[in-house]
């Protein structure tokens, strides 16, 4: 298994997690019920943090592969 698909897979997962976060944020803005807001606070924000960590990991892996870092 090469390193290229792993970097792309991390990037795709980060994009999907960010998309889920954005959809949950939109839902919390449109229908501001206590349950939806609680789900947003406890589920969406950790999803965004995980997406950010994966994105940073993918960028660092790409920089290492190109021998920039």
N, C-alpha and C. Protein backbone atom coordinates (compact mmCIF):
# COMPACT_ATOMS: atom_id res chain seq x y z
N UNK A 1 0.84 -1.18 0.00
CA UNK A 1 0.00 0.00 0.00
C UNK A 1 0.89 1.24 0.00
N UNK A 2 0.62 2.14 -0.91
CA UNK A 2 1.43 3.35 -1.01
C UNK A 2 0.93 4.41 -0.04
N UNK A 3 1.73 5.45 0.10
CA UNK A 3 1.37 6.52 1.02
C UNK A 3 0.37 7.50 0.41
N UNK A 4 0.31 7.57 -0.90
CA UNK A 4 -0.59 8.50 -1.58
C UNK A 4 -2.06 8.26 -1.24
N UNK A 5 -2.60 7.05 -1.35
CA UNK A 5 -4.02 6.88 -1.01
C UNK A 5 -4.34 7.18 0.45
N UNK A 6 -3.38 6.95 1.34
CA UNK A 6 -3.62 7.23 2.76
C UNK A 6 -3.84 8.73 2.98
N UNK A 7 -3.02 9.55 2.33
CA UNK A 7 -3.17 11.01 2.47
C UNK A 7 -4.50 11.46 1.89
N UNK A 8 -4.85 10.90 0.75
CA UNK A 8 -6.13 11.27 0.13
C UNK A 8 -7.31 10.79 0.97
N UNK A 9 -7.18 9.61 1.56
CA UNK A 9 -8.26 9.09 2.41
C UNK A 9 -8.44 9.99 3.63
N UNK A 10 -7.34 10.43 4.24
CA UNK A 10 -7.44 11.34 5.39
C UNK A 10 -8.12 12.64 5.00
N UNK A 11 -7.77 13.14 3.84
CA UNK A 11 -8.36 14.38 3.37
C UNK A 11 -9.86 14.21 3.10
N UNK A 12 -10.24 13.10 2.48
CA UNK A 12 -11.67 12.85 2.21
C UNK A 12 -12.46 12.70 3.51
N UNK A 13 -11.89 12.01 4.49
CA UNK A 13 -12.57 11.86 5.78
C UNK A 13 -12.74 13.21 6.45
N UNK A 14 -11.71 14.05 6.38
CA UNK A 14 -11.79 15.39 6.97
C UNK A 14 -12.88 16.21 6.30
N UNK A 15 -12.99 16.10 4.99
CA UNK A 15 -14.02 16.85 4.26
C UNK A 15 -15.41 16.37 4.65
N UNK A 16 -15.59 15.07 4.76
CA UNK A 16 -16.89 14.52 5.14
C UNK A 16 -17.27 14.94 6.57
N UNK A 17 -16.31 14.90 7.49
CA UNK A 17 -16.59 15.31 8.87
C UNK A 17 -16.94 16.80 8.93
N UNK A 18 -16.25 17.61 8.16
CA UNK A 18 -16.56 19.04 8.12
C UNK A 18 -17.95 19.27 7.52
N UNK A 19 -18.31 18.48 6.53
CA UNK A 19 -19.64 18.59 5.93
C UNK A 19 -20.73 18.23 6.94
N UNK A 20 -20.52 17.16 7.70
CA UNK A 20 -21.49 16.77 8.73
C UNK A 20 -21.61 17.87 9.78
N UNK A 21 -20.47 18.45 10.16
CA UNK A 21 -20.49 19.56 11.11
C UNK A 21 -21.32 20.72 10.58
N UNK A 22 -21.10 21.09 9.32
CA UNK A 22 -21.84 22.21 8.73
C UNK A 22 -23.33 21.92 8.63
N UNK A 23 -23.69 20.70 8.31
CA UNK A 23 -25.11 20.35 8.25
C UNK A 23 -25.76 20.41 9.63
N UNK A 24 -25.03 19.95 10.64
CA UNK A 24 -25.58 20.01 12.01
C UNK A 24 -25.67 21.46 12.49
N UNK A 25 -24.70 22.30 12.11
CA UNK A 25 -24.76 23.72 12.48
C UNK A 25 -25.94 24.40 11.80
N UNK A 26 -26.17 24.07 10.54
CA UNK A 26 -27.32 24.64 9.83
C UNK A 26 -28.63 24.20 10.47
N UNK A 27 -28.70 22.94 10.84
CA UNK A 27 -29.89 22.44 11.51
C UNK A 27 -30.10 23.14 12.84
N UNK A 28 -29.02 23.39 13.58
CA UNK A 28 -29.14 24.07 14.86
C UNK A 28 -29.58 25.53 14.68
N UNK A 29 -29.18 26.14 13.57
CA UNK A 29 -29.60 27.52 13.32
C UNK A 29 -31.05 27.60 12.85
N UNK A 30 -31.46 26.65 12.02
CA UNK A 30 -32.81 26.70 11.46
C UNK A 30 -33.85 26.26 12.49
N UNK A 31 -33.59 25.17 13.18
CA UNK A 31 -34.54 24.65 14.16
C UNK A 31 -33.85 24.61 15.52
N UNK A 32 -33.89 25.69 16.23
CA UNK A 32 -33.17 25.82 17.49
C UNK A 32 -33.98 25.24 18.65
N UNK A 33 -34.01 23.91 18.71
CA UNK A 33 -34.65 23.25 19.84
C UNK A 33 -33.55 22.82 20.81
N UNK A 34 -33.87 22.59 22.05
CA UNK A 34 -32.84 22.19 23.02
C UNK A 34 -32.14 20.88 22.65
N UNK A 35 -32.86 19.93 22.11
CA UNK A 35 -32.25 18.64 21.74
C UNK A 35 -31.26 18.82 20.60
N UNK A 36 -31.66 19.57 19.58
CA UNK A 36 -30.78 19.78 18.42
C UNK A 36 -29.54 20.56 18.85
N UNK A 37 -29.72 21.58 19.68
CA UNK A 37 -28.57 22.35 20.13
C UNK A 37 -27.64 21.50 21.00
N UNK A 38 -28.19 20.64 21.83
CA UNK A 38 -27.37 19.76 22.64
C UNK A 38 -26.60 18.77 21.78
N UNK A 39 -27.25 18.21 20.77
CA UNK A 39 -26.55 17.33 19.84
C UNK A 39 -25.44 18.07 19.11
N UNK A 40 -25.72 19.31 18.73
CA UNK A 40 -24.70 20.10 18.06
C UNK A 40 -23.50 20.33 18.98
N UNK A 41 -23.76 20.67 20.23
CA UNK A 41 -22.66 20.95 21.15
C UNK A 41 -21.83 19.71 21.45
N UNK A 42 -22.47 18.55 21.60
CA UNK A 42 -21.75 17.36 22.01
C UNK A 42 -21.27 16.49 20.86
N UNK A 43 -21.84 16.62 19.68
CA UNK A 43 -21.43 15.78 18.55
C UNK A 43 -20.72 16.56 17.44
N UNK A 44 -21.28 17.70 17.07
CA UNK A 44 -20.75 18.41 15.91
C UNK A 44 -19.40 19.05 16.19
N UNK A 45 -19.22 19.62 17.34
CA UNK A 45 -17.95 20.27 17.62
C UNK A 45 -16.78 19.29 17.72
N UNK A 46 -16.94 18.12 18.35
CA UNK A 46 -15.84 17.14 18.27
C UNK A 46 -15.60 16.64 16.85
N UNK A 47 -16.65 16.54 16.03
CA UNK A 47 -16.46 16.16 14.63
C UNK A 47 -15.60 17.19 13.91
N UNK A 48 -15.85 18.46 14.17
CA UNK A 48 -15.06 19.51 13.54
C UNK A 48 -13.61 19.47 14.03
N UNK A 49 -13.42 19.20 15.31
CA UNK A 49 -12.05 19.09 15.83
C UNK A 49 -11.32 17.91 15.20
N UNK A 50 -12.00 16.80 15.03
CA UNK A 50 -11.39 15.64 14.38
C UNK A 50 -11.07 15.94 12.93
N UNK A 51 -11.96 16.66 12.25
CA UNK A 51 -11.70 17.04 10.85
C UNK A 51 -10.49 17.95 10.76
N UNK A 52 -10.35 18.86 11.70
CA UNK A 52 -9.21 19.76 11.70
C UNK A 52 -7.90 19.01 11.93
N UNK A 53 -7.91 18.07 12.85
CA UNK A 53 -6.71 17.26 13.11
C UNK A 53 -6.35 16.42 11.89
N UNK A 54 -7.34 15.81 11.26
CA UNK A 54 -7.08 15.02 10.05
C UNK A 54 -6.57 15.89 8.91
N UNK A 55 -7.12 17.08 8.77
CA UNK A 55 -6.65 17.99 7.72
C UNK A 55 -5.21 18.40 7.95
N UNK A 56 -4.86 18.73 9.17
CA UNK A 56 -3.47 19.08 9.49
C UNK A 56 -2.55 17.90 9.24
N UNK A 57 -3.00 16.70 9.60
CA UNK A 57 -2.20 15.50 9.34
C UNK A 57 -1.99 15.25 7.86
N UNK A 58 -3.02 15.47 7.06
CA UNK A 58 -2.89 15.27 5.61
C UNK A 58 -1.96 16.31 5.00
N UNK A 59 -2.04 17.54 5.46
CA UNK A 59 -1.15 18.59 4.94
C UNK A 59 0.29 18.30 5.33
N UNK A 60 0.52 17.90 6.57
CA UNK A 60 1.88 17.57 6.99
C UNK A 60 2.43 16.37 6.24
N UNK A 61 1.61 15.38 5.99
CA UNK A 61 2.05 14.21 5.23
C UNK A 61 2.41 14.60 3.80
N UNK A 62 1.64 15.49 3.22
CA UNK A 62 1.94 15.95 1.86
C UNK A 62 3.24 16.75 1.83
N UNK A 63 3.42 17.60 2.84
CA UNK A 63 4.67 18.37 2.89
C UNK A 63 5.89 17.46 3.09
N UNK A 64 5.74 16.43 3.90
CA UNK A 64 6.85 15.48 4.09
C UNK A 64 7.13 14.68 2.83
N UNK A 65 6.08 14.33 2.11
CA UNK A 65 6.26 13.56 0.88
C UNK A 65 6.98 14.39 -0.20
N UNK A 66 6.73 15.67 -0.19
CA UNK A 66 7.41 16.55 -1.16
C UNK A 66 8.75 17.07 -0.63
N UNK A 67 9.12 16.61 0.54
CA UNK A 67 10.38 16.97 1.22
C UNK A 67 10.49 18.47 1.44
N UNK A 68 9.39 19.10 1.73
CA UNK A 68 9.37 20.53 2.08
C UNK A 68 9.54 20.68 3.59
N UNK A 69 9.02 19.73 4.32
CA UNK A 69 9.08 19.80 5.78
C UNK A 69 10.05 18.77 6.31
